[in-house]
Amino acid sequence: QKPAQYVGQHPDAYLHEIAKHFDCTAATVCYALKQMGITRKKRPPLTKNKTRPK
């Protein structure tokens, strides 16, 4: 199973989980996904509450 297919089937998987499935390091998975044009955020971006006064 290719990493792109695995990510498609498991979109919420962490890099270390993908790496464990393919028996490699998280850095290797990150590099391979980047080469395929797939990027993954490490964490969601912070959002500000716009209704709160300054």
PDB file of N, CA and C in Angstrom:
ATOM      1  N   GLN A   1       0.842  -1.182   0.000  1.00  0.00           N
ATOM      2  CA  GLN A   1       0.000   0.000   0.000  1.00  0.00           C
ATOM      3  C   GLN A   1       0.884   1.242   0.000  1.00  0.00           C
ATOM      4  N   LYS A   2       0.611   2.167  -0.885  1.00  0.00           N
ATOM      5  CA  LYS A   2       1.408   3.378  -0.993  1.00  0.00           C
ATOM      6  C   LYS A   2       1.008   4.378   0.087  1.00  0.00           C
ATOM      7  N   PRO A   3       1.955   5.252   0.476  1.00  0.00           N
ATOM      8  CA  PRO A   3       1.639   6.266   1.494  1.00  0.00           C
ATOM      9  C   PRO A   3       0.454   7.148   1.114  1.00  0.00           C
ATOM     10  N   ALA A   4       0.329   7.527  -0.147  1.00  0.00           N
ATOM     11  CA  ALA A   4      -0.784   8.384  -0.568  1.00  0.00           C
ATOM     12  C   ALA A   4      -2.122   7.675  -0.366  1.00  0.00           C
ATOM     13  N   GLN A   5      -2.171   6.382  -0.653  1.00  0.00           N
ATOM     14  CA  GLN A   5      -3.399   5.612  -0.442  1.00  0.00           C
ATOM     15  C   GLN A   5      -3.703   5.487   1.047  1.00  0.00           C
ATOM     16  N   TYR A   6      -2.664   5.254   1.840  1.00  0.00           N
ATOM     17  CA  TYR A   6      -2.839   5.119   3.282  1.00  0.00           C
ATOM     18  C   TYR A   6      -3.378   6.413   3.875  1.00  0.00           C
ATOM     19  N   VAL A   7      -2.812   7.546   3.449  1.00  0.00           N
ATOM     20  CA  VAL A   7      -3.266   8.846   3.944  1.00  0.00           C
ATOM     21  C   VAL A   7      -4.706   9.104   3.500  1.00  0.00           C
ATOM     22  N   GLY A   8      -5.046   8.681   2.301  1.00  0.00           N
ATOM     23  CA  GLY A   8      -6.419   8.832   1.832  1.00  0.00           C
ATOM     24  C   GLY A   8      -7.414   8.042   2.664  1.00  0.00           C
ATOM     25  N   GLN A   9      -6.997   6.863   3.110  1.00  0.00           N
ATOM     26  CA  GLN A   9      -7.868   6.018   3.920  1.00  0.00           C
ATOM     27  C   GLN A   9      -7.839   6.399   5.397  1.00  0.00           C
ATOM     28  N   HIS A  10      -6.735   7.023   5.833  1.00  0.00           N
ATOM     29  CA  HIS A  10      -6.570   7.419   7.236  1.00  0.00           C
ATOM     30  C   HIS A  10      -6.153   8.894   7.286  1.00  0.00           C
ATOM     31  N   PRO A  11      -7.048   9.818   6.973  1.00  0.00           N
ATOM     32  CA  PRO A  11      -6.667  11.235   6.888  1.00  0.00           C
ATOM     33  C   PRO A  11      -6.273  11.862   8.220  1.00  0.00           C
ATOM     34  N   ASP A  12      -6.668  11.255   9.338  1.00  0.00           N
ATOM     35  CA  ASP A  12      -6.342  11.826  10.637  1.00  0.00           C
ATOM     36  C   ASP A  12      -5.128  11.167  11.290  1.00  0.00           C
ATOM     37  N   ALA A  13      -4.419  10.321  10.564  1.00  0.00           N
ATOM     38  CA  ALA A  13      -3.255   9.620  11.112  1.00  0.00           C
ATOM     39  C   ALA A  13      -2.074  10.572  11.283  1.00  0.00           C
ATOM     40  N   TYR A  14      -1.372  10.412  12.386  1.00  0.00           N
ATOM     41  CA  TYR A  14      -0.162  11.188  12.637  1.00  0.00           C
ATOM     42  C   TYR A  14       0.987  10.610  11.821  1.00  0.00           C
ATOM     43  N   LEU A  15       2.020  11.418  11.610  1.00  0.00           N
ATOM     44  CA  LEU A  15       3.176  10.957  10.840  1.00  0.00           C
ATOM     45  C   LEU A  15       3.817   9.729  11.485  1.00  0.00           C
ATOM     46  N   HIS A  16       3.902   9.729  12.819  1.00  0.00           N
ATOM     47  CA  HIS A  16       4.535   8.578  13.485  1.00  0.00           C
ATOM     48  C   HIS A  16       3.698   7.311  13.317  1.00  0.00           C
ATOM     49  N   GLU A  17       2.386   7.437  13.195  1.00  0.00           N
ATOM     50  CA  GLU A  17       1.540   6.270  12.957  1.00  0.00           C
ATOM     51  C   GLU A  17       1.733   5.740  11.536  1.00  0.00           C
ATOM     52  N   ILE A  18       1.850   6.650  10.581  1.00  0.00           N
ATOM     53  CA  ILE A  18       2.104   6.250   9.194  1.00  0.00           C
ATOM     54  C   ILE A  18       3.475   5.585   9.103  1.00  0.00           C
ATOM     55  N   ALA A  19       4.457   6.168   9.793  1.00  0.00           N
ATOM     56  CA  ALA A  19       5.811   5.618   9.784  1.00  0.00           C
ATOM     57  C   ALA A  19       5.838   4.210  10.378  1.00  0.00           C
ATOM     58  N   LYS A  20       5.091   3.998  11.452  1.00  0.00           N
ATOM     59  CA  LYS A  20       5.042   2.671  12.068  1.00  0.00           C
ATOM     60  C   LYS A  20       4.438   1.654  11.100  1.00  0.00           C
ATOM     61  N   HIS A  21       3.414   2.068  10.356  1.00  0.00           N
ATOM     62  CA  HIS A  21       2.771   1.177   9.384  1.00  0.00           C
ATOM     63  C   HIS A  21       3.744   0.766   8.281  1.00  0.00           C
ATOM     64  N   PHE A  22       4.588   1.713   7.833  1.00  0.00           N
ATOM     65  CA  PHE A  22       5.531   1.440   6.744  1.00  0.00           C
ATOM     66  C   PHE A  22       6.929   1.074   7.242  1.00  0.00           C
ATOM     67  N   ASP A  23       7.099   0.965   8.564  1.00  0.00           N
ATOM     68  CA  ASP A  23       8.374   0.584   9.178  1.00  0.00           C
ATOM     69  C   ASP A  23       9.512   1.515   8.746  1.00  0.00           C
ATOM     70  N   CYS A  24       9.305   2.816   8.980  1.00  0.00           N
ATOM     71  CA  CYS A  24      10.336   3.815   8.687  1.00  0.00           C
ATOM     72  C   CYS A  24      10.180   4.953   9.690  1.00  0.00           C
ATOM     73  N   THR A  25      10.905   6.043   9.494  1.00  0.00           N
ATOM     74  CA  THR A  25      10.827   7.174  10.411  1.00  0.00           C
ATOM     75  C   THR A  25       9.777   8.179   9.952  1.00  0.00           C
ATOM     76  N   ALA A  26       9.344   9.027  10.884  1.00  0.00           N
ATOM     77  CA  ALA A  26       8.363  10.068  10.562  1.00  0.00           C
ATOM     78  C   ALA A  26       8.947  11.066   9.565  1.00  0.00           C
ATOM     79  N   ALA A  27      10.246  11.331   9.672  1.00  0.00           N
ATOM     80  CA  ALA A  27      10.895  12.254   8.737  1.00  0.00           C
ATOM     81  C   ALA A  27      10.856  11.700   7.313  1.00  0.00           C
ATOM     82  N   THR A  28      11.038  10.402   7.173  1.00  0.00           N
ATOM     83  CA  THR A  28      10.973   9.763   5.856  1.00  0.00           C
ATOM     84  C   THR A  28       9.572   9.881   5.270  1.00  0.00           C
ATOM     85  N   VAL A  29       8.565   9.677   6.102  1.00  0.00           N
ATOM     86  CA  VAL A  29       7.179   9.806   5.649  1.00  0.00           C
ATOM     87  C   VAL A  29       6.902  11.242   5.227  1.00  0.00           C
ATOM     88  N   CYS A  30       7.345  12.193   6.028  1.00  0.00           N
ATOM     89  CA  CYS A  30       7.139  13.606   5.721  1.00  0.00           C
ATOM     90  C   CYS A  30       7.773  13.954   4.383  1.00  0.00           C
ATOM     91  N   TYR A  31       8.990  13.509   4.168  1.00  0.00           N
ATOM     92  CA  TYR A  31       9.698  13.787   2.913  1.00  0.00           C
ATOM     93  C   TYR A  31       8.983  13.141   1.728  1.00  0.00           C
ATOM     94  N   ALA A  32       8.549  11.892   1.889  1.00  0.00           N
ATOM     95  CA  ALA A  32       7.870  11.185   0.798  1.00  0.00           C
ATOM     96  C   ALA A  32       6.547  11.861   0.445  1.00  0.00           C
ATOM     97  N   LEU A  33       5.782  12.255   1.459  1.00  0.00           N
ATOM     98  CA  LEU A  33       4.507  12.926   1.197  1.00  0.00           C
ATOM     99  C   LEU A  33       4.727  14.284   0.538  1.00  0.00           C
ATOM    100  N   LYS A  34       5.782  14.974   0.959  1.00  0.00           N
ATOM    101  CA  LYS A  34       6.097  16.267   0.352  1.00  0.00           C
ATOM    102  C   LYS A  34       6.449  16.097  -1.123  1.00  0.00           C
ATOM    103  N   GLN A  35       7.178  15.043  -1.451  1.00  0.00           N
ATOM    104  CA  GLN A  35       7.533  14.766  -2.841  1.00  0.00           C
ATOM    105  C   GLN A  35       6.293  14.464  -3.684  1.00  0.00           C
ATOM    106  N   MET A  36       5.259  13.906  -3.047  1.00  0.00           N
ATOM    107  CA  MET A  36       4.011  13.595  -3.750  1.00  0.00           C
ATOM    108  C   MET A  36       3.058  14.783  -3.792  1.00  0.00           C
ATOM    109  N   GLY A  37       3.449  15.876  -3.134  1.00  0.00           N
ATOM    110  CA  GLY A  37       2.593  17.056  -3.123  1.00  0.00           C
ATOM    111  C   GLY A  37       1.540  17.046  -2.032  1.00  0.00           C
ATOM    112  N   ILE A  38       1.717  16.185  -1.045  1.00  0.00           N
ATOM    113  CA  ILE A  38       0.781  16.104   0.079  1.00  0.00           C
ATOM    114  C   ILE A  38       1.461  16.719   1.292  1.00  0.00           C
ATOM    115  N   THR A  39       0.838  17.732   1.868  1.00  0.00           N
ATOM    116  CA  THR A  39       1.393  18.344   3.070  1.00  0.00           C
ATOM    117  C   THR A  39       0.440  18.099   4.226  1.00  0.00           C
ATOM    118  N   ARG A  40       0.993  18.057   5.415  1.00  0.00           N
ATOM    119  CA  ARG A  40       0.191  17.814   6.610  1.00  0.00           C
ATOM    120  C   ARG A  40       0.560  18.831   7.669  1.00  0.00           C
ATOM    121  N   LYS A  41      -0.449  19.390   8.312  1.00  0.00           N
ATOM    122  CA  LYS A  41      -0.221  20.329   9.401  1.00  0.00           C
ATOM    123  C   LYS A  41       0.082  19.538  10.670  1.00  0.00           C
ATOM    124  N   LYS A  42       1.014  20.031  11.451  1.00  0.00           N
ATOM    125  CA  LYS A  42       1.328  19.372  12.710  1.00  0.00           C
ATOM    126  C   LYS A  42       0.231  19.629  13.739  1.00  0.00           C
ATOM    127  N   ARG A  43      -0.357  20.822  13.689  1.00  0.00           N
ATOM    128  CA  ARG A  43      -1.433  21.167  14.612  1.00  0.00           C
ATOM    129  C   ARG A  43      -2.330  22.211  13.956  1.00  0.00           C
ATOM    130  N   PRO A  44      -3.553  22.331  14.406  1.00  0.00           N
ATOM    131  CA  PRO A  44      -4.446  23.315  13.792  1.00  0.00           C
ATOM    132  C   PRO A  44      -3.992  24.736  14.113  1.00  0.00           C
ATOM    133  N   PRO A  45      -4.243  25.683  13.221  1.00  0.00           N
ATOM    134  CA  PRO A  45      -3.840  27.068  13.482  1.00  0.00           C
ATOM    135  C   PRO A  45      -4.651  27.666  14.621  1.00  0.00           C
ATOM    136  N   LEU A  46      -4.044  28.593  15.333  1.00  0.00           N
ATOM    137  CA  LEU A  46      -4.733  29.268  16.425  1.00  0.00           C
ATOM    138  C   LEU A  46      -5.733  30.256  15.848  1.00  0.00           C
ATOM    139  N   THR A  47      -6.854  30.378  16.493  1.00  0.00           N
ATOM    140  CA  THR A  47      -7.858  31.344  16.052  1.00  0.00           C
ATOM    141  C   THR A  47      -8.118  32.331  17.175  1.00  0.00           C
ATOM    142  N   LYS A  48      -8.410  33.558  16.806  1.00  0.00           N
ATOM    143  CA  LYS A  48      -8.714  34.580  17.795  1.00  0.00           C
ATOM    144  C   LYS A  48     -10.216  34.783  17.844  1.00  0.00           C
ATOM    145  N   ASN A  49     -10.695  35.068  19.024  1.00  0.00           N
ATOM    146  CA  ASN A  49     -12.097  35.384  19.193  1.00  0.00           C
ATOM    147  C   ASN A  49     -12.276  36.855  18.838  1.00  0.00           C
ATOM    148  N   LYS A  50     -12.919  37.142  17.723  1.00  0.00           N
ATOM    149  CA  LYS A  50     -13.036  38.515  17.242  1.00  0.00           C
ATOM    150  C   LYS A  50     -14.097  39.307  17.997  1.00  0.00           C
ATOM    151  N   THR A  51     -14.917  38.671  18.793  1.00  0.00           N
ATOM    152  CA  THR A  51     -15.950  39.392  19.532  1.00  0.00           C
ATOM    153  C   THR A  51     -15.431  39.928  20.858  1.00  0.00           C
ATOM    154  N   ARG A  52     -14.287  39.490  21.274  1.00  0.00           N
ATOM    155  CA  ARG A  52     -13.719  39.933  22.546  1.00  0.00           C
ATOM    156  C   ARG A  52     -13.092  41.309  22.388  1.00  0.00           C
ATOM    157  N   PRO A  53     -13.407  42.276  23.255  1.00  0.00           N
ATOM    158  CA  PRO A  53     -12.809  43.615  23.134  1.00  0.00           C
ATOM    159  C   PRO A  53     -11.331  43.595  23.486  1.00  0.00           C
ATOM    160  N   LYS A  54     -10.607  44.545  22.927  1.00  0.00           N
ATOM    161  CA  LYS A  54      -9.162  44.629  23.182  1.00  0.00           C
ATOM    162  C   LYS A  54      -8.854  45.419  24.423  1.00  0.00           C
TER     163      LYS A  54
END
